[in-house]
Amino acid sequence: MTQIIIDGNKLTENEEEHLKETFDLPTYNGDYEEIYQYLIGFYKKTTITLKNTNKIDPDLLETIEKASEYNQLVQIEKE
């Protein structure tokens, strides 16, 4: 199982770099659609832990939630 952690505090420092490193997307340019496409393509169980969600862009949260609805292997945990 893959574990991904997205921390709202780190996103406020540099969102693009944090997401690029977290999702291992070397060409990520800030487009949440790219993250959606990446997540719906997972073929093994993945848990995304969201920390400090009050500091995460609501559009990013919605993107991750939609991806988890589409791909049942992607699950979300909020801390």
PDB file of N, CA and C in Angstrom:
ATOM      1  N   MET A   1       0.840  -1.172   0.000  1.00  0.00           N
ATOM      2  CA  MET A   1       0.000   0.000   0.000  1.00  0.00           C
ATOM      3  C   MET A   1       0.893   1.247   0.000  1.00  0.00           C
ATOM      4  N   THR A   2       0.466   2.224  -0.754  1.00  0.00           N
ATOM      5  CA  THR A   2       1.186   3.487  -0.833  1.00  0.00           C
ATOM      6  C   THR A   2       0.560   4.487   0.124  1.00  0.00           C
ATOM      7  N   GLN A   3       1.387   5.258   0.797  1.00  0.00           N
ATOM      8  CA  GLN A   3       0.935   6.287   1.733  1.00  0.00           C
ATOM      9  C   GLN A   3       1.446   7.631   1.239  1.00  0.00           C
ATOM     10  N   ILE A   4       0.537   8.581   1.031  1.00  0.00           N
ATOM     11  CA  ILE A   4       0.882   9.938   0.604  1.00  0.00           C
ATOM     12  C   ILE A   4       0.384  10.896   1.673  1.00  0.00           C
ATOM     13  N   ILE A   5       1.226  11.839   2.071  1.00  0.00           N
ATOM     14  CA  ILE A   5       0.839  12.823   3.079  1.00  0.00           C
ATOM     15  C   ILE A   5       0.897  14.211   2.455  1.00  0.00           C
ATOM     16  N   ILE A   6      -0.209  14.925   2.548  1.00  0.00           N
ATOM     17  CA  ILE A   6      -0.260  16.309   2.085  1.00  0.00           C
ATOM     18  C   ILE A   6      -0.513  17.178   3.308  1.00  0.00           C
ATOM     19  N   ASP A   7       0.425  18.066   3.576  1.00  0.00           N
ATOM     20  CA  ASP A   7       0.357  18.916   4.755  1.00  0.00           C
ATOM     21  C   ASP A   7       0.063  20.357   4.327  1.00  0.00           C
ATOM     22  N   GLY A   8      -1.055  20.885   4.788  1.00  0.00           N
ATOM     23  CA  GLY A   8      -1.442  22.250   4.457  1.00  0.00           C
ATOM     24  C   GLY A   8      -0.393  23.270   4.837  1.00  0.00           C
ATOM     25  N   ASN A   9       0.338  23.026   5.922  1.00  0.00           N
ATOM     26  CA  ASN A   9       1.397  23.959   6.327  1.00  0.00           C
ATOM     27  C   ASN A   9       2.498  24.025   5.278  1.00  0.00           C
ATOM     28  N   LYS A  10       2.872  22.879   4.720  1.00  0.00           N
ATOM     29  CA  LYS A  10       3.916  22.854   3.695  1.00  0.00           C
ATOM     30  C   LYS A  10       3.409  23.466   2.391  1.00  0.00           C
ATOM     31  N   LEU A  11       2.111  23.318   2.127  1.00  0.00           N
ATOM     32  CA  LEU A  11       1.549  23.901   0.910  1.00  0.00           C
ATOM     33  C   LEU A  11       1.612  25.421   0.952  1.00  0.00           C
ATOM     34  N   THR A  12       1.447  25.998   2.127  1.00  0.00           N
ATOM     35  CA  THR A  12       1.488  27.461   2.222  1.00  0.00           C
ATOM     36  C   THR A  12       2.901  27.999   1.981  1.00  0.00           C
ATOM     37  N   GLU A  13       3.910  27.177   2.230  1.00  0.00           N
ATOM     38  CA  GLU A  13       5.289  27.587   1.975  1.00  0.00           C
ATOM     39  C   GLU A  13       5.579  27.617   0.479  1.00  0.00           C
ATOM     40  N   ASN A  14       5.254  26.532  -0.226  1.00  0.00           N
ATOM     41  CA  ASN A  14       5.470  26.446  -1.670  1.00  0.00           C
ATOM     42  C   ASN A  14       4.625  25.298  -2.211  1.00  0.00           C
ATOM     43  N   GLU A  15       3.394  25.613  -2.589  1.00  0.00           N
ATOM     44  CA  GLU A  15       2.442  24.578  -2.997  1.00  0.00           C
ATOM     45  C   GLU A  15       2.950  23.743  -4.163  1.00  0.00           C
ATOM     46  N   GLU A  16       3.405  24.396  -5.213  1.00  0.00           N
ATOM     47  CA  GLU A  16       3.812  23.664  -6.413  1.00  0.00           C
ATOM     48  C   GLU A  16       4.940  22.675  -6.119  1.00  0.00           C
ATOM     49  N   GLU A  17       5.955  23.108  -5.397  1.00  0.00           N
ATOM     50  CA  GLU A  17       7.076  22.218  -5.076  1.00  0.00           C
ATOM     51  C   GLU A  17       6.639  21.072  -4.161  1.00  0.00           C
ATOM     52  N   HIS A  18       5.813  21.378  -3.169  1.00  0.00           N
ATOM     53  CA  HIS A  18       5.356  20.332  -2.248  1.00  0.00           C
ATOM     54  C   HIS A  18       4.564  19.260  -3.009  1.00  0.00           C
ATOM     55  N   LEU A  19       3.667  19.678  -3.886  1.00  0.00           N
ATOM     56  CA  LEU A  19       2.877  18.710  -4.641  1.00  0.00           C
ATOM     57  C   LEU A  19       3.737  17.949  -5.652  1.00  0.00           C
ATOM     58  N   LYS A  20       4.693  18.631  -6.245  1.00  0.00           N
ATOM     59  CA  LYS A  20       5.600  17.989  -7.206  1.00  0.00           C
ATOM     60  C   LYS A  20       6.365  16.855  -6.524  1.00  0.00           C
ATOM     61  N   GLU A  21       6.875  17.128  -5.335  1.00  0.00           N
ATOM     62  CA  GLU A  21       7.632  16.119  -4.594  1.00  0.00           C
ATOM     63  C   GLU A  21       6.719  15.030  -4.035  1.00  0.00           C
ATOM     64  N   THR A  22       5.582  15.427  -3.485  1.00  0.00           N
ATOM     65  CA  THR A  22       4.673  14.472  -2.862  1.00  0.00           C
ATOM     66  C   THR A  22       4.169  13.441  -3.862  1.00  0.00           C
ATOM     67  N   PHE A  23       3.786  13.907  -5.042  1.00  0.00           N
ATOM     68  CA  PHE A  23       3.228  13.007  -6.054  1.00  0.00           C
ATOM     69  C   PHE A  23       4.266  12.528  -7.060  1.00  0.00           C
ATOM     70  N   ASP A  24       5.520  12.924  -6.886  1.00  0.00           N
ATOM     71  CA  ASP A  24       6.596  12.540  -7.796  1.00  0.00           C
ATOM     72  C   ASP A  24       6.226  12.888  -9.245  1.00  0.00           C
ATOM     73  N   LEU A  25       5.853  14.154  -9.434  1.00  0.00           N
ATOM     74  CA  LEU A  25       5.485  14.674 -10.752  1.00  0.00           C
ATOM     75  C   LEU A  25       6.511  15.738 -11.149  1.00  0.00           C
ATOM     76  N   PRO A  26       7.593  15.346 -11.797  1.00  0.00           N
ATOM     77  CA  PRO A  26       8.665  16.299 -12.099  1.00  0.00           C
ATOM     78  C   PRO A  26       8.240  17.461 -12.993  1.00  0.00           C
ATOM     79  N   THR A  27       7.205  17.299 -13.781  1.00  0.00           N
ATOM     80  CA  THR A  27       6.790  18.374 -14.686  1.00  0.00           C
ATOM     81  C   THR A  27       5.528  19.081 -14.206  1.00  0.00           C
ATOM     82  N   TYR A  28       5.131  18.866 -12.967  1.00  0.00           N
ATOM     83  CA  TYR A  28       3.908  19.478 -12.446  1.00  0.00           C
ATOM     84  C   TYR A  28       4.005  20.998 -12.511  1.00  0.00           C
ATOM     85  N   ASN A  29       2.938  21.635 -13.033  1.00  0.00           N
ATOM     86  CA  ASN A  29       2.959  23.085 -13.226  1.00  0.00           C
ATOM     87  C   ASN A  29       1.848  23.809 -12.467  1.00  0.00           C
ATOM     88  N   GLY A  30       1.249  23.146 -11.486  1.00  0.00           N
ATOM     89  CA  GLY A  30       0.215  23.792 -10.690  1.00  0.00           C
ATOM     90  C   GLY A  30      -1.208  23.504 -11.135  1.00  0.00           C
ATOM     91  N   ASP A  31      -1.371  22.655 -12.149  1.00  0.00           N
ATOM     92  CA  ASP A  31      -2.698  22.314 -12.659  1.00  0.00           C
ATOM     93  C   ASP A  31      -3.233  21.102 -11.898  1.00  0.00           C
ATOM     94  N   TYR A  32      -4.309  21.310 -11.141  1.00  0.00           N
ATOM     95  CA  TYR A  32      -4.873  20.219 -10.341  1.00  0.00           C
ATOM     96  C   TYR A  32      -5.401  19.078 -11.196  1.00  0.00           C
ATOM     97  N   GLU A  33      -5.731  19.332 -12.447  1.00  0.00           N
ATOM     98  CA  GLU A  33      -6.188  18.269 -13.351  1.00  0.00           C
ATOM     99  C   GLU A  33      -5.107  17.210 -13.517  1.00  0.00           C
ATOM    100  N   GLU A  34      -3.860  17.632 -13.507  1.00  0.00           N
ATOM    101  CA  GLU A  34      -2.749  16.689 -13.614  1.00  0.00           C
ATOM    102  C   GLU A  34      -2.720  15.749 -12.403  1.00  0.00           C
ATOM    103  N   ILE A  35      -2.994  16.283 -11.226  1.00  0.00           N
ATOM    104  CA  ILE A  35      -3.044  15.454 -10.021  1.00  0.00           C
ATOM    105  C   ILE A  35      -4.219  14.491 -10.104  1.00  0.00           C
ATOM    106  N   TYR A  36      -5.373  14.971 -10.580  1.00  0.00           N
ATOM    107  CA  TYR A  36      -6.545  14.111 -10.735  1.00  0.00           C
ATOM    108  C   TYR A  36      -6.222  12.932 -11.660  1.00  0.00           C
ATOM    109  N   GLN A  37      -5.654  13.220 -12.814  1.00  0.00           N
ATOM    110  CA  GLN A  37      -5.318  12.161 -13.775  1.00  0.00           C
ATOM    111  C   GLN A  37      -4.316  11.172 -13.186  1.00  0.00           C
ATOM    112  N   TYR A  38      -3.382  11.680 -12.413  1.00  0.00           N
ATOM    113  CA  TYR A  38      -2.389  10.833 -11.768  1.00  0.00           C
ATOM    114  C   TYR A  38      -3.064   9.880 -10.775  1.00  0.00           C
ATOM    115  N   LEU A  39      -3.948  10.406  -9.934  1.00  0.00           N
ATOM    116  CA  LEU A  39      -4.591   9.601  -8.900  1.00  0.00           C
ATOM    117  C   LEU A  39      -5.563   8.578  -9.460  1.00  0.00           C
ATOM    118  N   ILE A  40      -6.284   8.915 -10.501  1.00  0.00           N
ATOM    119  CA  ILE A  40      -7.249   7.937 -11.034  1.00  0.00           C
ATOM    120  C   ILE A  40      -6.547   6.792 -11.751  1.00  0.00           C
ATOM    121  N   GLY A  41      -5.259   6.952 -12.029  1.00  0.00           N
ATOM    122  CA  GLY A  41      -4.510   5.900 -12.698  1.00  0.00           C
ATOM    123  C   GLY A  41      -3.850   4.911 -11.758  1.00  0.00           C
ATOM    124  N   PHE A  42      -4.007   5.082 -10.447  1.00  0.00           N
ATOM    125  CA  PHE A  42      -3.384   4.164  -9.494  1.00  0.00           C
ATOM    126  C   PHE A  42      -3.999   2.775  -9.605  1.00  0.00           C
ATOM    127  N   TYR A  43      -3.131   1.765  -9.538  1.00  0.00           N
ATOM    128  CA  TYR A  43      -3.576   0.374  -9.616  1.00  0.00           C
ATOM    129  C   TYR A  43      -3.330  -0.404  -8.333  1.00  0.00           C
ATOM    130  N   LYS A  44      -2.880   0.304  -7.296  1.00  0.00           N
ATOM    131  CA  LYS A  44      -2.741  -0.359  -6.000  1.00  0.00           C
ATOM    132  C   LYS A  44      -3.295   0.564  -4.926  1.00  0.00           C
ATOM    133  N   LYS A  45      -3.663  -0.036  -3.814  1.00  0.00           N
ATOM    134  CA  LYS A  45      -4.293   0.711  -2.735  1.00  0.00           C
ATOM    135  C   LYS A  45      -3.371   1.837  -2.264  1.00  0.00           C
ATOM    136  N   THR A  46      -3.951   3.029  -2.173  1.00  0.00           N
ATOM    137  CA  THR A  46      -3.208   4.220  -1.790  1.00  0.00           C
ATOM    138  C   THR A  46      -4.021   5.011  -0.777  1.00  0.00           C
ATOM    139  N   THR A  47      -3.384   5.424   0.294  1.00  0.00           N
ATOM    140  CA  THR A  47      -4.031   6.266   1.287  1.00  0.00           C
ATOM    141  C   THR A  47      -3.385   7.644   1.234  1.00  0.00           C
ATOM    142  N   ILE A  48      -4.231   8.658   1.104  1.00  0.00           N
ATOM    143  CA  ILE A  48      -3.765  10.035   1.117  1.00  0.00           C
ATOM    144  C   ILE A  48      -4.184  10.635   2.454  1.00  0.00           C
ATOM    145  N   THR A  49      -3.207  11.010   3.260  1.00  0.00           N
ATOM    146  CA  THR A  49      -3.474  11.628   4.550  1.00  0.00           C
ATOM    147  C   THR A  49      -3.363  13.133   4.384  1.00  0.00           C
ATOM    148  N   LEU A  50      -4.425  13.821   4.742  1.00  0.00           N
ATOM    149  CA  LEU A  50      -4.472  15.275   4.637  1.00  0.00           C
ATOM    150  C   LEU A  50      -4.315  15.876   6.026  1.00  0.00           C
ATOM    151  N   LYS A  51      -3.268  16.683   6.195  1.00  0.00           N
ATOM    152  CA  LYS A  51      -3.009  17.347   7.471  1.00  0.00           C
ATOM    153  C   LYS A  51      -3.231  18.847   7.300  1.00  0.00           C
ATOM    154  N   ASN A  52      -3.717  19.486   8.348  1.00  0.00           N
ATOM    155  CA  ASN A  52      -3.952  20.929   8.331  1.00  0.00           C
ATOM    156  C   ASN A  52      -4.802  21.326   7.119  1.00  0.00           C
ATOM    157  N   THR A  53      -5.941  20.660   7.007  1.00  0.00           N
ATOM    158  CA  THR A  53      -6.793  20.852   5.831  1.00  0.00           C
ATOM    159  C   THR A  53      -7.316  22.275   5.691  1.00  0.00           C
ATOM    160  N   ASN A  54      -7.360  23.014   6.784  1.00  0.00           N
ATOM    161  CA  ASN A  54      -7.836  24.398   6.704  1.00  0.00           C
ATOM    162  C   ASN A  54      -6.892  25.280   5.876  1.00  0.00           C
ATOM    163  N   LYS A  55      -5.684  24.791   5.610  1.00  0.00           N
ATOM    164  CA  LYS A  55      -4.708  25.545   4.824  1.00  0.00           C
ATOM    165  C   LYS A  55      -4.548  24.981   3.406  1.00  0.00           C
ATOM    166  N   ILE A  56      -5.343  23.973   3.064  1.00  0.00           N
ATOM    167  CA  ILE A  56      -5.283  23.378   1.729  1.00  0.00           C
ATOM    168  C   ILE A  56      -6.346  24.036   0.857  1.00  0.00           C
ATOM    169  N   ASP A  57      -5.957  24.414  -0.345  1.00  0.00           N
ATOM    170  CA  ASP A  57      -6.868  25.039  -1.298  1.00  0.00           C
ATOM    171  C   ASP A  57      -8.098  24.142  -1.474  1.00  0.00           C
ATOM    172  N   PRO A  58      -9.297  24.693  -1.312  1.00  0.00           N
ATOM    173  CA  PRO A  58     -10.521  23.898  -1.466  1.00  0.00           C
ATOM    174  C   PRO A  58     -10.624  23.216  -2.831  1.00  0.00           C
ATOM    175  N   ASP A  59     -10.073  23.825  -3.860  1.00  0.00           N
ATOM    176  CA  ASP A  59     -10.089  23.194  -5.190  1.00  0.00           C
ATOM    177  C   ASP A  59      -9.207  21.947  -5.219  1.00  0.00           C
ATOM    178  N   LEU A  60      -8.086  21.993  -4.503  1.00  0.00           N
ATOM    179  CA  LEU A  60      -7.222  20.821  -4.422  1.00  0.00           C
ATOM    180  C   LEU A  60      -7.913  19.715  -3.639  1.00  0.00           C
ATOM    181  N   LEU A  61      -8.557  20.072  -2.527  1.00  0.00           N
ATOM    182  CA  LEU A  61      -9.305  19.073  -1.753  1.00  0.00           C
ATOM    183  C   LEU A  61     -10.377  18.422  -2.613  1.00  0.00           C
ATOM    184  N   GLU A  62     -11.098  19.233  -3.379  1.00  0.00           N
ATOM    185  CA  GLU A  62     -12.149  18.701  -4.242  1.00  0.00           C
ATOM    186  C   GLU A  62     -11.568  17.776  -5.307  1.00  0.00           C
ATOM    187  N   THR A  63     -10.425  18.141  -5.853  1.00  0.00           N
ATOM    188  CA  THR A  63      -9.767  17.303  -6.861  1.00  0.00           C
ATOM    189  C   THR A  63      -9.411  15.937  -6.279  1.00  0.00           C
ATOM    190  N   ILE A  64      -8.844  15.929  -5.089  1.00  0.00           N
ATOM    191  CA  ILE A  64      -8.451  14.670  -4.453  1.00  0.00           C
ATOM    192  C   ILE A  64      -9.687  13.840  -4.111  1.00  0.00           C
ATOM    193  N   GLU A  65     -10.727  14.484  -3.610  1.00  0.00           N
ATOM    194  CA  GLU A  65     -11.960  13.768  -3.274  1.00  0.00           C
ATOM    195  C   GLU A  65     -12.610  13.162  -4.518  1.00  0.00           C
ATOM    196  N   LYS A  66     -12.637  13.907  -5.617  1.00  0.00           N
ATOM    197  CA  LYS A  66     -13.215  13.376  -6.859  1.00  0.00           C
ATOM    198  C   LYS A  66     -12.413  12.184  -7.366  1.00  0.00           C
ATOM    199  N   ALA A  67     -11.100  12.270  -7.259  1.00  0.00           N
ATOM    200  CA  ALA A  67     -10.256  11.160  -7.693  1.00  0.00           C
ATOM    201  C   ALA A  67     -10.515   9.924  -6.848  1.00  0.00           C
ATOM    202  N   SER A  68     -10.712  10.108  -5.541  1.00  0.00           N
ATOM    203  CA  SER A  68     -10.963   8.956  -4.667  1.00  0.00           C
ATOM    204  C   SER A  68     -12.347   8.360  -4.919  1.00  0.00           C
ATOM    205  N   GLU A  69     -13.290   9.187  -5.352  1.00  0.00           N
ATOM    206  CA  GLU A  69     -14.607   8.664  -5.707  1.00  0.00           C
ATOM    207  C   GLU A  69     -14.531   7.842  -6.993  1.00  0.00           C
ATOM    208  N   TYR A  70     -13.716   8.290  -7.931  1.00  0.00           N
ATOM    209  CA  TYR A  70     -13.575   7.606  -9.218  1.00  0.00           C
ATOM    210  C   TYR A  70     -12.763   6.317  -9.072  1.00  0.00           C
ATOM    211  N   ASN A  71     -11.669   6.402  -8.332  1.00  0.00           N
ATOM    212  CA  ASN A  71     -10.775   5.261  -8.157  1.00  0.00           C
ATOM    213  C   ASN A  71     -10.906   4.744  -6.726  1.00  0.00           C
ATOM    214  N   GLN A  72     -11.535   3.618  -6.562  1.00  0.00           N
ATOM    215  CA  GLN A  72     -11.787   3.052  -5.241  1.00  0.00           C
ATOM    216  C   GLN A  72     -10.512   2.624  -4.514  1.00  0.00           C
ATOM    217  N   LEU A  73      -9.396   2.561  -5.212  1.00  0.00           N
ATOM    218  CA  LEU A  73      -8.128   2.205  -4.570  1.00  0.00           C
ATOM    219  C   LEU A  73      -7.494   3.385  -3.849  1.00  0.00           C
ATOM    220  N   VAL A  74      -8.006   4.581  -4.099  1.00  0.00           N
ATOM    221  CA  VAL A  74      -7.483   5.792  -3.461  1.00  0.00           C
ATOM    222  C   VAL A  74      -8.414   6.171  -2.306  1.00  0.00           C
ATOM    223  N   GLN A  75      -7.875   6.171  -1.111  1.00  0.00           N
ATOM    224  CA  GLN A  75      -8.654   6.511   0.073  1.00  0.00           C
ATOM    225  C   GLN A  75      -8.052   7.741   0.743  1.00  0.00           C
ATOM    226  N   ILE A  76      -8.936   8.516   1.389  1.00  0.00           N
ATOM    227  CA  ILE A  76      -8.520   9.750   2.045  1.00  0.00           C
ATOM    228  C   ILE A  76      -8.701   9.629   3.556  1.00  0.00           C
ATOM    229  N   GLU A  77      -7.706  10.099   4.288  1.00  0.00           N
ATOM    230  CA  GLU A  77      -7.794  10.234   5.742  1.00  0.00           C
ATOM    231  C   GLU A  77      -7.494  11.683   6.073  1.00  0.00           C
ATOM    232  N   LYS A  78      -8.293  12.279   6.948  1.00  0.00           N
ATOM    233  CA  LYS A  78      -8.055  13.662   7.352  1.00  0.00           C
ATOM    234  C   LYS A  78      -7.630  13.686   8.809  1.00  0.00           C
ATOM    235  N   GLU A  79      -6.588  14.447   9.079  1.00  0.00           N
ATOM    236  CA  GLU A  79      -6.105  14.588  10.463  1.00  0.00           C
ATOM    237  C   GLU A  79      -6.363  15.994  10.943  1.00  0.00           C
TER     238      GLU A  79
END
